[in-house]
Amino acid sequence: MYNLPYFKESDKTVVLEFIQKHPFALIAGCDEDGKPVATQIPVFIDEREGRLYLTGHMMRNSDHHRAIVANPQVLCVFTGPHTYVSATWYSNPHQASTWNYMSVHARGNLSFLDEEALVDMLKKTSLHFEKNNPDSATVYDNLPVDYRSRLQKAIVAFEVNVQELDTVFKLSQNRDAESYHNIIGHLNKQDAEAQAVAAEMQKRAATLFST
């Protein structure tokens, strides 16, 4: 992780909202031989009794499933919009260009859950991503019973007890005011991802340059 203090997001509410907005996490771990494994999975984040938990489901008997059985430690990476930042936009352009991005890293132990939890997870996931439309043909309760039975044999629900949460919100906070606003202006002339980064930078401008 790019671990510099001025690129950290200290507001827990902002971090949790970021995870909720970008739920498709890269979950990485290592098997018993030290071989890295990873899966991209949509997850939910919840807080219970002051602790954070990530929940989701994955395919059974995959390399990652087998690895976690042997080694439950995982790193869950959430990423948002990102973009190239040209040094030609700085007040002093004779520097290296860079990349602006936002990322949250959650470390913890993953445990697999029982069949009842899997059903609950499938109901929650299908409803959530179908915009809470109970009439959608693809939500759990509307799927054929035999199909649900086959599906549930192939997947397993999980929960990650988050033990460490870290962030990188690298948004040119280390630049002078002129450079910062120049970057926003140039990013707003580019694609949707660049514009999203510009919007995040604009939110922080008043706090960064309040004097």
N, C-alpha and C. Protein backbone atom coordinates (compact mmCIF):
# COMPACT_ATOMS: atom_id res chain seq x y z
N MET A 1 0.84 -1.20 0.00
CA MET A 1 0.00 0.00 0.00
C MET A 1 0.87 1.25 0.00
N TYR A 2 0.42 2.26 -0.73
CA TYR A 2 1.12 3.55 -0.80
C TYR A 2 0.82 4.29 0.49
N ASN A 3 1.69 4.10 1.49
CA ASN A 3 1.35 4.43 2.87
C ASN A 3 1.93 5.77 3.31
N LEU A 4 1.32 6.86 2.81
CA LEU A 4 1.75 8.20 3.20
C LEU A 4 0.59 8.90 3.92
N PRO A 5 0.87 9.58 5.04
CA PRO A 5 -0.21 10.10 5.89
C PRO A 5 -1.15 11.08 5.21
N TYR A 6 -0.66 11.89 4.28
CA TYR A 6 -1.54 12.88 3.66
C TYR A 6 -2.43 12.28 2.58
N PHE A 7 -2.28 10.98 2.29
CA PHE A 7 -3.16 10.31 1.35
C PHE A 7 -4.15 9.38 2.06
N LYS A 8 -4.33 9.57 3.37
CA LYS A 8 -5.24 8.74 4.14
C LYS A 8 -6.61 9.40 4.27
N GLU A 9 -7.65 8.57 4.36
CA GLU A 9 -8.99 9.07 4.66
C GLU A 9 -9.34 8.66 6.09
N SER A 10 -9.43 9.62 6.98
CA SER A 10 -9.62 9.33 8.40
C SER A 10 -11.08 9.27 8.82
N ASP A 11 -11.99 9.71 7.97
CA ASP A 11 -13.40 9.73 8.31
C ASP A 11 -14.00 8.34 8.04
N LYS A 12 -14.35 7.64 9.11
CA LYS A 12 -14.87 6.27 8.99
C LYS A 12 -16.13 6.22 8.14
N THR A 13 -16.98 7.24 8.27
CA THR A 13 -18.22 7.27 7.49
C THR A 13 -17.92 7.31 6.00
N VAL A 14 -16.92 8.11 5.61
CA VAL A 14 -16.53 8.21 4.21
C VAL A 14 -16.01 6.87 3.71
N VAL A 15 -15.21 6.19 4.54
CA VAL A 15 -14.63 4.90 4.15
C VAL A 15 -15.73 3.85 3.95
N LEU A 16 -16.67 3.79 4.88
CA LEU A 16 -17.75 2.80 4.78
C LEU A 16 -18.64 3.09 3.57
N GLU A 17 -18.91 4.36 3.32
CA GLU A 17 -19.70 4.72 2.14
C GLU A 17 -18.97 4.35 0.85
N PHE A 18 -17.65 4.49 0.86
CA PHE A 18 -16.85 4.11 -0.31
C PHE A 18 -16.98 2.61 -0.59
N ILE A 19 -16.89 1.80 0.46
CA ILE A 19 -17.02 0.35 0.30
C ILE A 19 -18.41 0.00 -0.22
N GLN A 20 -19.43 0.64 0.32
CA GLN A 20 -20.80 0.37 -0.12
C GLN A 20 -21.00 0.77 -1.58
N LYS A 21 -20.33 1.83 -2.01
CA LYS A 21 -20.47 2.31 -3.37
C LYS A 21 -19.67 1.47 -4.36
N HIS A 22 -18.61 0.81 -3.86
CA HIS A 22 -17.74 -0.01 -4.72
C HIS A 22 -17.60 -1.41 -4.11
N PRO A 23 -18.69 -2.20 -4.14
CA PRO A 23 -18.71 -3.47 -3.39
C PRO A 23 -18.00 -4.64 -4.05
N PHE A 24 -17.56 -4.47 -5.31
CA PHE A 24 -16.94 -5.59 -6.03
C PHE A 24 -15.47 -5.68 -5.61
N ALA A 25 -15.21 -6.44 -4.56
CA ALA A 25 -13.89 -6.49 -3.93
C ALA A 25 -13.00 -7.56 -4.57
N LEU A 26 -11.71 -7.28 -4.60
CA LEU A 26 -10.70 -8.29 -4.91
C LEU A 26 -10.30 -8.91 -3.58
N ILE A 27 -10.59 -10.18 -3.39
CA ILE A 27 -10.25 -10.88 -2.15
C ILE A 27 -9.06 -11.79 -2.42
N ALA A 28 -7.96 -11.51 -1.76
CA ALA A 28 -6.71 -12.22 -2.03
C ALA A 28 -6.23 -12.95 -0.78
N GLY A 29 -5.57 -14.08 -1.02
CA GLY A 29 -4.98 -14.85 0.07
C GLY A 29 -3.87 -15.73 -0.46
N CYS A 30 -3.43 -16.68 0.35
CA CYS A 30 -2.38 -17.63 -0.05
C CYS A 30 -2.78 -19.03 0.37
N ASP A 31 -2.46 -20.00 -0.46
CA ASP A 31 -2.77 -21.37 -0.08
C ASP A 31 -1.68 -21.91 0.85
N GLU A 32 -1.79 -23.17 1.21
CA GLU A 32 -0.86 -23.74 2.19
C GLU A 32 0.57 -23.82 1.67
N ASP A 33 0.75 -23.71 0.34
CA ASP A 33 2.09 -23.70 -0.24
C ASP A 33 2.62 -22.29 -0.48
N GLY A 34 1.87 -21.29 -0.05
CA GLY A 34 2.28 -19.90 -0.23
C GLY A 34 1.95 -19.33 -1.59
N LYS A 35 1.20 -20.06 -2.41
CA LYS A 35 0.80 -19.58 -3.73
C LYS A 35 -0.33 -18.57 -3.59
N PRO A 36 -0.20 -17.38 -4.18
CA PRO A 36 -1.27 -16.38 -4.07
C PRO A 36 -2.49 -16.79 -4.87
N VAL A 37 -3.65 -16.51 -4.30
CA VAL A 37 -4.93 -16.76 -4.97
C VAL A 37 -5.81 -15.54 -4.77
N ALA A 38 -6.74 -15.32 -5.68
CA ALA A 38 -7.63 -14.15 -5.56
C ALA A 38 -8.93 -14.42 -6.29
N THR A 39 -9.99 -13.77 -5.80
CA THR A 39 -11.30 -13.84 -6.42
C THR A 39 -11.94 -12.46 -6.32
N GLN A 40 -12.68 -12.06 -7.34
CA GLN A 40 -13.43 -10.80 -7.29
C GLN A 40 -14.88 -11.13 -6.99
N ILE A 41 -15.37 -10.53 -5.89
CA ILE A 41 -16.68 -10.90 -5.36
C ILE A 41 -17.39 -9.65 -4.83
N PRO A 42 -18.69 -9.50 -5.12
CA PRO A 42 -19.44 -8.42 -4.47
C PRO A 42 -19.69 -8.77 -3.01
N VAL A 43 -19.45 -7.82 -2.13
CA VAL A 43 -19.64 -8.08 -0.69
C VAL A 43 -20.43 -6.95 -0.05
N PHE A 44 -20.97 -7.26 1.12
CA PHE A 44 -21.64 -6.26 1.96
C PHE A 44 -20.78 -6.00 3.18
N ILE A 45 -20.86 -4.78 3.70
CA ILE A 45 -20.16 -4.47 4.94
C ILE A 45 -21.19 -4.09 6.00
N ASP A 46 -21.03 -4.67 7.19
CA ASP A 46 -21.93 -4.42 8.31
C ASP A 46 -21.10 -4.21 9.57
N GLU A 47 -21.67 -3.46 10.50
CA GLU A 47 -21.02 -3.24 11.79
C GLU A 47 -21.88 -3.84 12.88
N ARG A 48 -21.27 -4.72 13.68
CA ARG A 48 -21.97 -5.37 14.79
C ARG A 48 -21.12 -5.30 16.03
N GLU A 49 -21.68 -4.73 17.08
CA GLU A 49 -20.99 -4.62 18.37
C GLU A 49 -19.61 -4.00 18.21
N GLY A 50 -19.54 -2.96 17.36
CA GLY A 50 -18.30 -2.22 17.20
C GLY A 50 -17.29 -2.85 16.28
N ARG A 51 -17.63 -3.97 15.63
CA ARG A 51 -16.70 -4.62 14.72
C ARG A 51 -17.29 -4.63 13.31
N LEU A 52 -16.40 -4.61 12.32
CA LEU A 52 -16.83 -4.61 10.92
C LEU A 52 -16.74 -6.02 10.35
N TYR A 53 -17.74 -6.37 9.53
CA TYR A 53 -17.77 -7.68 8.89
C TYR A 53 -18.11 -7.51 7.41
N LEU A 54 -17.42 -8.28 6.57
CA LEU A 54 -17.74 -8.35 5.15
C LEU A 54 -18.37 -9.71 4.89
N THR A 55 -19.46 -9.72 4.11
CA THR A 55 -20.13 -10.98 3.82
C THR A 55 -20.39 -11.12 2.33
N GLY A 56 -20.39 -12.36 1.87
CA GLY A 56 -20.65 -12.63 0.46
C GLY A 56 -20.72 -14.12 0.24
N HIS A 57 -20.55 -14.56 -1.01
CA HIS A 57 -20.52 -15.99 -1.30
C HIS A 57 -19.55 -16.24 -2.46
N MET A 58 -19.02 -17.46 -2.50
CA MET A 58 -18.07 -17.84 -3.55
C MET A 58 -18.31 -19.27 -3.98
N MET A 59 -17.67 -19.64 -5.10
CA MET A 59 -17.80 -21.00 -5.63
C MET A 59 -17.05 -21.99 -4.74
N ARG A 60 -17.69 -23.10 -4.48
CA ARG A 60 -17.03 -24.19 -3.74
C ARG A 60 -15.96 -24.87 -4.61
N ASN A 61 -14.98 -25.43 -3.92
CA ASN A 61 -13.95 -26.25 -4.55
C ASN A 61 -13.14 -25.52 -5.61
N SER A 62 -13.16 -24.19 -5.58
CA SER A 62 -12.25 -23.42 -6.42
C SER A 62 -10.88 -23.38 -5.74
N ASP A 63 -9.87 -22.89 -6.45
CA ASP A 63 -8.55 -22.80 -5.81
C ASP A 63 -8.60 -21.90 -4.59
N HIS A 64 -9.41 -20.84 -4.64
CA HIS A 64 -9.48 -19.91 -3.52
C HIS A 64 -10.22 -20.53 -2.34
N HIS A 65 -11.30 -21.22 -2.60
CA HIS A 65 -12.04 -21.89 -1.53
C HIS A 65 -11.12 -22.87 -0.79
N ARG A 66 -10.39 -23.67 -1.55
CA ARG A 66 -9.49 -24.65 -0.93
C ARG A 66 -8.36 -23.95 -0.17
N ALA A 67 -7.88 -22.84 -0.71
CA ALA A 67 -6.80 -22.11 -0.04
C ALA A 67 -7.26 -21.55 1.30
N ILE A 68 -8.48 -21.02 1.33
CA ILE A 68 -8.98 -20.41 2.57
C ILE A 68 -9.23 -21.45 3.64
N VAL A 69 -9.62 -22.64 3.24
CA VAL A 69 -9.77 -23.72 4.22
C VAL A 69 -8.45 -23.94 4.96
N ALA A 70 -7.34 -23.85 4.23
CA ALA A 70 -6.01 -24.05 4.82
C ALA A 70 -5.48 -22.79 5.49
N ASN A 71 -5.83 -21.61 4.93
CA ASN A 71 -5.30 -20.35 5.44
C ASN A 71 -6.39 -19.28 5.36
N PRO A 72 -7.06 -18.98 6.48
CA PRO A 72 -8.22 -18.09 6.44
C PRO A 72 -7.89 -16.60 6.33
N GLN A 73 -6.62 -16.23 6.35
CA GLN A 73 -6.26 -14.81 6.28
C GLN A 73 -6.46 -14.28 4.85
N VAL A 74 -7.17 -13.15 4.75
CA VAL A 74 -7.44 -12.57 3.43
C VAL A 74 -7.24 -11.06 3.46
N LEU A 75 -7.00 -10.53 2.28
CA LEU A 75 -6.95 -9.09 2.05
C LEU A 75 -8.05 -8.77 1.04
N CYS A 76 -8.94 -7.86 1.41
CA CYS A 76 -10.05 -7.44 0.55
C CYS A 76 -9.77 -6.02 0.08
N VAL A 77 -9.68 -5.84 -1.24
CA VAL A 77 -9.32 -4.55 -1.81
C VAL A 77 -10.51 -3.97 -2.57
N PHE A 78 -10.89 -2.75 -2.18
CA PHE A 78 -11.98 -2.03 -2.84
C PHE A 78 -11.38 -0.84 -3.59
N THR A 79 -11.72 -0.70 -4.86
CA THR A 79 -11.16 0.40 -5.65
C THR A 79 -12.28 1.22 -6.29
N GLY A 80 -12.00 2.51 -6.46
CA GLY A 80 -12.93 3.43 -7.08
C GLY A 80 -12.36 4.00 -8.36
N PRO A 81 -12.87 5.13 -8.80
CA PRO A 81 -12.36 5.75 -10.03
C PRO A 81 -10.89 6.13 -9.90
N HIS A 82 -10.17 6.09 -11.01
CA HIS A 82 -8.75 6.42 -11.00
C HIS A 82 -8.40 7.05 -12.33
N THR A 83 -7.29 7.80 -12.35
CA THR A 83 -6.94 8.49 -13.59
C THR A 83 -5.48 8.96 -13.58
N TYR A 84 -4.95 9.10 -14.75
CA TYR A 84 -3.61 9.66 -14.95
C TYR A 84 -3.64 11.16 -14.68
N VAL A 85 -2.59 11.66 -14.03
CA VAL A 85 -2.44 13.10 -13.77
C VAL A 85 -1.10 13.55 -14.36
N SER A 86 -1.16 14.42 -15.34
CA SER A 86 0.05 14.89 -16.03
C SER A 86 0.72 16.00 -15.23
N ALA A 87 2.04 15.90 -15.10
CA ALA A 87 2.79 16.95 -14.41
C ALA A 87 2.75 18.27 -15.18
N THR A 88 2.35 18.24 -16.44
CA THR A 88 2.22 19.50 -17.19
C THR A 88 1.12 20.38 -16.63
N TRP A 89 0.27 19.82 -15.75
CA TRP A 89 -0.80 20.60 -15.13
C TRP A 89 -0.36 21.25 -13.82
N TYR A 90 0.87 20.96 -13.37
CA TYR A 90 1.38 21.54 -12.13
C TYR A 90 1.91 22.95 -12.38
N SER A 91 1.99 23.74 -11.32
CA SER A 91 2.59 25.07 -11.43
C SER A 91 4.06 24.96 -11.84
N ASN A 92 4.73 23.89 -11.41
CA ASN A 92 6.07 23.55 -11.88
C ASN A 92 5.98 22.22 -12.60
N PRO A 93 5.97 22.22 -13.94
CA PRO A 93 5.74 20.99 -14.69
C PRO A 93 6.94 20.05 -14.80
N HIS A 94 8.10 20.47 -14.33
CA HIS A 94 9.32 19.66 -14.49
C HIS A 94 9.41 18.64 -13.35
N GLN A 95 8.42 17.77 -13.30
CA GLN A 95 8.33 16.74 -12.28
C GLN A 95 7.75 15.49 -12.92
N ALA A 96 7.74 14.42 -12.15
CA ALA A 96 7.12 13.18 -12.65
C ALA A 96 5.60 13.29 -12.60
N SER A 97 4.96 12.74 -13.61
CA SER A 97 3.51 12.63 -13.60
C SER A 97 3.09 11.53 -12.63
N THR A 98 1.79 11.37 -12.40
CA THR A 98 1.35 10.40 -11.39
C THR A 98 -0.02 9.85 -11.74
N TRP A 99 -0.61 9.15 -10.80
CA TRP A 99 -1.93 8.55 -10.96
C TRP A 99 -2.73 8.85 -9.70
N ASN A 100 -3.92 9.35 -9.83
CA ASN A 100 -4.80 9.58 -8.68
C ASN A 100 -5.82 8.44 -8.60
N TYR A 101 -6.08 8.00 -7.38
CA TYR A 101 -6.99 6.87 -7.18
C TYR A 101 -7.45 6.80 -5.73
N MET A 102 -8.46 5.98 -5.49
CA MET A 102 -8.94 5.72 -4.14
C MET A 102 -9.05 4.22 -3.94
N SER A 103 -8.59 3.76 -2.78
CA SER A 103 -8.58 2.34 -2.49
C SER A 103 -8.71 2.11 -1.00
N VAL A 104 -9.46 1.08 -0.62
CA VAL A 104 -9.58 0.67 0.77
C VAL A 104 -9.14 -0.79 0.88
N HIS A 105 -8.28 -1.06 1.86
CA HIS A 105 -7.80 -2.42 2.12
C HIS A 105 -8.36 -2.90 3.46
N ALA A 106 -9.03 -4.04 3.44
CA ALA A 106 -9.55 -4.65 4.67
C ALA A 106 -8.89 -6.01 4.85
N ARG A 107 -8.24 -6.20 5.99
CA ARG A 107 -7.59 -7.48 6.30
C ARG A 107 -8.35 -8.17 7.42
N GLY A 108 -8.41 -9.49 7.34
CA GLY A 108 -9.08 -10.23 8.40
C GLY A 108 -9.10 -11.71 8.11
N ASN A 109 -9.81 -12.45 8.94
CA ASN A 109 -9.95 -13.89 8.78
C ASN A 109 -11.31 -14.20 8.18
N LEU A 110 -11.32 -15.05 7.17
CA LEU A 110 -12.55 -15.44 6.50
C LEU A 110 -13.02 -16.78 7.05
N SER A 111 -14.29 -16.84 7.39
CA SER A 111 -14.88 -18.10 7.82
C SER A 111 -16.09 -18.42 6.95
N PHE A 112 -16.29 -19.70 6.67
CA PHE A 112 -17.43 -20.13 5.87
C PHE A 112 -18.64 -20.36 6.75
N LEU A 113 -19.82 -20.06 6.21
CA LEU A 113 -21.06 -20.09 6.97
C LEU A 113 -21.93 -21.28 6.57
N ASP A 114 -23.01 -21.49 7.31
CA ASP A 114 -23.87 -22.66 7.08
C ASP A 114 -24.88 -22.39 5.96
N GLU A 115 -25.70 -23.41 5.69
CA GLU A 115 -26.66 -23.36 4.59
C GLU A 115 -27.71 -22.27 4.80
N GLU A 116 -28.15 -22.09 6.03
CA GLU A 116 -29.14 -21.05 6.31
C GLU A 116 -28.58 -19.67 5.99
N ALA A 117 -27.33 -19.45 6.36
CA ALA A 117 -26.68 -18.17 6.06
C ALA A 117 -26.53 -17.97 4.56
N LEU A 118 -26.28 -19.06 3.83
CA LEU A 118 -26.16 -18.96 2.37
C LEU A 118 -27.48 -18.51 1.75
N VAL A 119 -28.58 -19.09 2.18
CA VAL A 119 -29.88 -18.69 1.67
C VAL A 119 -30.14 -17.22 1.96
N ASP A 120 -29.85 -16.80 3.19
CA ASP A 120 -30.03 -15.39 3.55
C ASP A 120 -29.17 -14.49 2.66
N MET A 121 -27.93 -14.92 2.39
CA MET A 121 -27.02 -14.13 1.57
C MET A 121 -27.52 -14.02 0.13
N LEU A 122 -28.03 -15.13 -0.41
CA LEU A 122 -28.54 -15.11 -1.78
C LEU A 122 -29.77 -14.21 -1.90
N LYS A 123 -30.62 -14.25 -0.90
CA LYS A 123 -31.79 -13.37 -0.91
C LYS A 123 -31.34 -11.91 -0.84
N LYS A 124 -30.44 -11.62 0.07
CA LYS A 124 -29.97 -10.24 0.25
C LYS A 124 -29.26 -9.73 -1.01
N THR A 125 -28.39 -10.55 -1.59
CA THR A 125 -27.62 -10.13 -2.76
C THR A 125 -28.52 -9.89 -3.96
N SER A 126 -29.41 -10.84 -4.24
CA SER A 126 -30.26 -10.70 -5.43
C SER A 126 -31.21 -9.51 -5.30
N LEU A 127 -31.77 -9.30 -4.13
CA LEU A 127 -32.66 -8.16 -3.93
C LEU A 127 -31.92 -6.84 -4.04
N HIS A 128 -30.73 -6.78 -3.40
CA HIS A 128 -29.96 -5.53 -3.38
C HIS A 128 -29.60 -5.08 -4.79
N PHE A 129 -29.06 -5.99 -5.59
CA PHE A 129 -28.60 -5.59 -6.92
C PHE A 129 -29.73 -5.54 -7.95
N GLU A 130 -30.91 -6.02 -7.57
CA GLU A 130 -32.09 -5.81 -8.39
C GLU A 130 -32.91 -4.62 -7.88
N LYS A 131 -32.22 -3.73 -7.13
CA LYS A 131 -32.83 -2.48 -6.65
C LYS A 131 -34.05 -2.74 -5.77
N ASN A 132 -33.96 -3.83 -4.96
CA ASN A 132 -35.03 -4.18 -4.02
C ASN A 132 -36.38 -4.38 -4.70
N ASN A 133 -36.34 -4.91 -5.91
CA ASN A 133 -37.57 -5.20 -6.66
C ASN A 133 -37.97 -6.66 -6.42
N PRO A 134 -38.94 -6.92 -5.57
CA PRO A 134 -39.31 -8.31 -5.26
C PRO A 134 -39.95 -9.05 -6.42
N ASP A 135 -40.36 -8.32 -7.46
CA ASP A 135 -41.00 -8.94 -8.62
C ASP A 135 -40.00 -9.35 -9.69
N SER A 136 -38.72 -9.03 -9.51
CA SER A 136 -37.71 -9.40 -10.50
C SER A 136 -37.62 -10.93 -10.60
N ALA A 137 -37.53 -11.42 -11.82
CA ALA A 137 -37.48 -12.87 -12.06
C ALA A 137 -36.23 -13.52 -11.48
N THR A 138 -35.18 -12.72 -11.24
CA THR A 138 -33.90 -13.29 -10.83
C THR A 138 -33.64 -13.24 -9.33
N VAL A 139 -34.54 -12.62 -8.54
CA VAL A 139 -34.33 -12.64 -7.09
C VAL A 139 -34.56 -14.06 -6.58
N TYR A 140 -33.94 -14.37 -5.47
CA TYR A 140 -33.90 -15.75 -4.96
C TYR A 140 -35.29 -16.38 -4.86
N ASP A 141 -36.23 -15.69 -4.27
CA ASP A 141 -37.55 -16.28 -4.03
C ASP A 141 -38.32 -16.59 -5.31
N ASN A 142 -37.92 -16.00 -6.44
CA ASN A 142 -38.61 -16.22 -7.70
C ASN A 142 -37.92 -17.25 -8.60
N LEU A 143 -36.82 -17.80 -8.13
CA LEU A 143 -36.12 -18.82 -8.91
C LEU A 143 -36.76 -20.19 -8.70
N PRO A 144 -36.75 -21.07 -9.70
CA PRO A 144 -37.29 -22.42 -9.52
C PRO A 144 -36.57 -23.16 -8.39
N VAL A 145 -37.32 -23.94 -7.64
CA VAL A 145 -36.75 -24.62 -6.47
C VAL A 145 -35.62 -25.56 -6.85
N ASP A 146 -35.77 -26.29 -7.95
CA ASP A 146 -34.71 -27.23 -8.35
C ASP A 146 -33.45 -26.49 -8.76
N TYR A 147 -33.62 -25.32 -9.38
CA TYR A 147 -32.45 -24.51 -9.76
C TYR A 147 -31.74 -24.00 -8.51
N ARG A 148 -32.50 -23.52 -7.53
CA ARG A 148 -31.90 -23.04 -6.28
C ARG A 148 -31.13 -24.16 -5.59
N SER A 149 -31.69 -25.35 -5.62
CA SER A 149 -31.02 -26.48 -4.97
C SER A 149 -29.68 -26.78 -5.61
N ARG A 150 -29.64 -26.78 -6.95
CA ARG A 150 -28.37 -27.03 -7.65
C ARG A 150 -27.38 -25.90 -7.39
N LEU A 151 -27.87 -24.68 -7.39
CA LEU A 151 -27.01 -23.52 -7.18
C LEU A 151 -26.35 -23.56 -5.81
N GLN A 152 -27.13 -23.88 -4.80
CA GLN A 152 -26.62 -23.84 -3.43
C GLN A 152 -25.57 -24.91 -3.15
N LYS A 153 -25.59 -25.98 -3.94
CA LYS A 153 -24.57 -27.01 -3.78
C LYS A 153 -23.22 -26.55 -4.32
N ALA A 154 -23.24 -25.55 -5.20
CA ALA A 154 -22.01 -25.12 -5.87
C ALA A 154 -21.33 -23.93 -5.21
N ILE A 155 -22.01 -23.29 -4.24
CA ILE A 155 -21.46 -22.07 -3.64
C ILE A 155 -21.54 -22.14 -2.11
N VAL A 156 -20.81 -21.25 -1.47
CA VAL A 156 -20.79 -21.21 -0.01
C VAL A 156 -20.72 -19.75 0.44
N ALA A 157 -21.46 -19.44 1.49
CA ALA A 157 -21.43 -18.09 2.06
C ALA A 157 -20.21 -17.94 2.97
N PHE A 158 -19.76 -16.70 3.11
CA PHE A 158 -18.61 -16.45 3.98
C PHE A 158 -18.76 -15.12 4.72
N GLU A 159 -17.92 -14.98 5.73
CA GLU A 159 -17.87 -13.75 6.51
C GLU A 159 -16.41 -13.45 6.82
N VAL A 160 -16.02 -12.20 6.64
CA VAL A 160 -14.67 -11.76 7.00
C VAL A 160 -14.77 -10.86 8.22
N ASN A 161 -14.13 -11.28 9.29
CA ASN A 161 -14.02 -10.46 10.49
C ASN A 161 -12.88 -9.47 10.27
N VAL A 162 -13.21 -8.21 10.00
CA VAL A 162 -12.20 -7.22 9.62
C VAL A 162 -11.36 -6.85 10.84
N GLN A 163 -10.07 -7.10 10.74
CA GLN A 163 -9.15 -6.81 11.84
C GLN A 163 -8.32 -5.56 11.60
N GLU A 164 -8.23 -5.15 10.33
CA GLU A 164 -7.46 -3.96 9.98
C GLU A 164 -8.05 -3.32 8.74
N LEU A 165 -8.24 -2.01 8.81
CA LEU A 165 -8.81 -1.26 7.69
C LEU A 165 -7.86 -0.12 7.36
N ASP A 166 -7.42 -0.04 6.11
CA ASP A 166 -6.48 1.00 5.71
C ASP A 166 -6.94 1.61 4.39
N THR A 167 -6.46 2.82 4.12
CA THR A 167 -6.94 3.54 2.94
C THR A 167 -5.82 4.24 2.20
N VAL A 168 -6.04 4.43 0.91
CA VAL A 168 -5.28 5.38 0.10
C VAL A 168 -6.29 6.17 -0.72
N PHE A 169 -6.42 7.45 -0.40
CA PHE A 169 -7.22 8.36 -1.21
C PHE A 169 -6.24 9.37 -1.79
N LYS A 170 -5.56 8.97 -2.86
CA LYS A 170 -4.48 9.76 -3.43
C LYS A 170 -5.08 10.75 -4.43
N LEU A 171 -5.29 11.97 -3.99
CA LEU A 171 -6.04 12.96 -4.76
C LEU A 171 -5.29 14.29 -4.83
N SER A 172 -3.97 14.20 -5.02
CA SER A 172 -3.12 15.40 -5.18
C SER A 172 -3.13 16.32 -3.97
N GLN A 173 -3.34 15.75 -2.77
CA GLN A 173 -3.34 16.58 -1.56
C GLN A 173 -1.98 17.21 -1.28
N ASN A 174 -0.93 16.68 -1.89
CA ASN A 174 0.42 17.19 -1.66
C ASN A 174 0.81 18.31 -2.63
N ARG A 175 -0.14 18.77 -3.43
CA ARG A 175 0.14 19.84 -4.41
C ARG A 175 -0.29 21.20 -3.89
N ASP A 176 0.30 22.24 -4.45
CA ASP A 176 -0.10 23.61 -4.10
C ASP A 176 -1.48 23.89 -4.69
N ALA A 177 -2.09 24.97 -4.22
CA ALA A 177 -3.47 25.28 -4.61
C ALA A 177 -3.61 25.48 -6.12
N GLU A 178 -2.64 26.18 -6.73
CA GLU A 178 -2.73 26.41 -8.17
C GLU A 178 -2.71 25.09 -8.93
N SER A 179 -1.77 24.20 -8.59
CA SER A 179 -1.68 22.91 -9.26
C SER A 179 -2.95 22.10 -9.04
N TYR A 180 -3.44 22.09 -7.81
CA TYR A 180 -4.61 21.31 -7.44
C TYR A 180 -5.82 21.70 -8.30
N HIS A 181 -6.06 22.98 -8.41
CA HIS A 181 -7.22 23.44 -9.18
C HIS A 181 -6.99 23.27 -10.69
N ASN A 182 -5.75 23.36 -11.13
CA ASN A 182 -5.45 23.07 -12.54
C ASN A 182 -5.77 21.61 -12.87
N ILE A 183 -5.40 20.72 -11.97
CA ILE A 183 -5.68 19.29 -12.18
C ILE A 183 -7.17 19.05 -12.29
N ILE A 184 -7.95 19.63 -11.38
CA ILE A 184 -9.41 19.48 -11.43
C ILE A 184 -9.94 19.95 -12.78
N GLY A 185 -9.47 21.10 -13.24
CA GLY A 185 -9.94 21.64 -14.51
C GLY A 185 -9.65 20.73 -15.68
N HIS A 186 -8.44 20.18 -15.73
CA HIS A 186 -8.07 19.28 -16.83
C HIS A 186 -8.83 17.96 -16.75
N LEU A 187 -9.01 17.42 -15.54
CA LEU A 187 -9.73 16.15 -15.40
C LEU A 187 -11.19 16.30 -15.81
N ASN A 188 -11.77 17.44 -15.57
CA ASN A 188 -13.17 17.66 -15.94
C ASN A 188 -13.38 17.71 -17.45
N LYS A 189 -12.30 17.79 -18.22
CA LYS A 189 -12.41 17.78 -19.68
C LYS A 189 -12.22 16.37 -20.26
N GLN A 190 -12.05 15.38 -19.37
CA GLN A 190 -11.75 14.02 -19.84
C GLN A 190 -12.91 13.07 -19.60
N ASP A 191 -12.62 11.77 -19.53
CA ASP A 191 -13.68 10.76 -19.45
C ASP A 191 -14.35 10.73 -18.08
N ALA A 192 -15.33 9.83 -17.95
CA ALA A 192 -16.15 9.79 -16.74
C ALA A 192 -15.33 9.48 -15.49
N GLU A 193 -14.34 8.59 -15.61
CA GLU A 193 -13.52 8.26 -14.44
C GLU A 193 -12.72 9.48 -13.99
N ALA A 194 -12.13 10.19 -14.93
CA ALA A 194 -11.36 11.39 -14.61
C ALA A 194 -12.27 12.43 -13.96
N GLN A 195 -13.47 12.58 -14.48
CA GLN A 195 -14.41 13.55 -13.91
C GLN A 195 -14.83 13.15 -12.50
N ALA A 196 -14.96 11.84 -12.25
CA ALA A 196 -15.31 11.39 -10.91
C ALA A 196 -14.19 11.70 -9.92
N VAL A 197 -12.94 11.54 -10.35
CA VAL A 197 -11.80 11.90 -9.49
C VAL A 197 -11.80 13.41 -9.24
N ALA A 198 -12.06 14.19 -10.28
CA ALA A 198 -12.13 15.64 -10.13
C ALA A 198 -13.20 16.03 -9.11
N ALA A 199 -14.34 15.36 -9.14
CA ALA A 199 -15.42 15.66 -8.20
C ALA A 199 -15.00 15.37 -6.77
N GLU A 200 -14.26 14.26 -6.57
CA GLU A 200 -13.76 13.94 -5.23
C GLU A 200 -12.75 14.98 -4.77
N MET A 201 -11.90 15.44 -5.67
CA MET A 201 -10.93 16.47 -5.33
C MET A 201 -11.63 17.78 -4.97
N GLN A 202 -12.66 18.12 -5.73
CA GLN A 202 -13.38 19.36 -5.47
C GLN A 202 -14.00 19.36 -4.08
N LYS A 203 -14.49 18.22 -3.62
CA LYS A 203 -15.08 18.11 -2.29
C LYS A 203 -14.09 18.50 -1.20
N ARG A 204 -12.82 18.20 -1.46
CA ARG A 204 -11.79 18.41 -0.44
C ARG A 204 -11.05 19.74 -0.56
N ALA A 205 -11.32 20.47 -1.62
CA ALA A 205 -10.55 21.70 -1.89
C ALA A 205 -10.64 22.72 -0.78
N ALA A 206 -11.83 22.97 -0.28
CA ALA A 206 -12.01 24.00 0.75
C ALA A 206 -11.26 23.65 2.04
N THR A 207 -11.24 22.36 2.38
CA THR A 207 -10.53 21.93 3.59
C THR A 207 -9.02 22.00 3.41
N LEU A 208 -8.55 21.63 2.24
CA LEU A 208 -7.10 21.63 1.99
C LEU A 208 -6.53 23.04 1.92
N PHE A 209 -7.30 23.97 1.36
CA PHE A 209 -6.79 25.31 1.13
C PHE A 209 -7.70 26.34 1.80
N SER A 210 -7.93 26.14 3.10
CA SER A 210 -8.86 26.98 3.84
C SER A 210 -8.28 28.32 4.23
N THR A 211 -6.94 28.44 4.15
CA THR A 211 -6.32 29.70 4.55
C THR A 211 -5.72 30.39 3.34
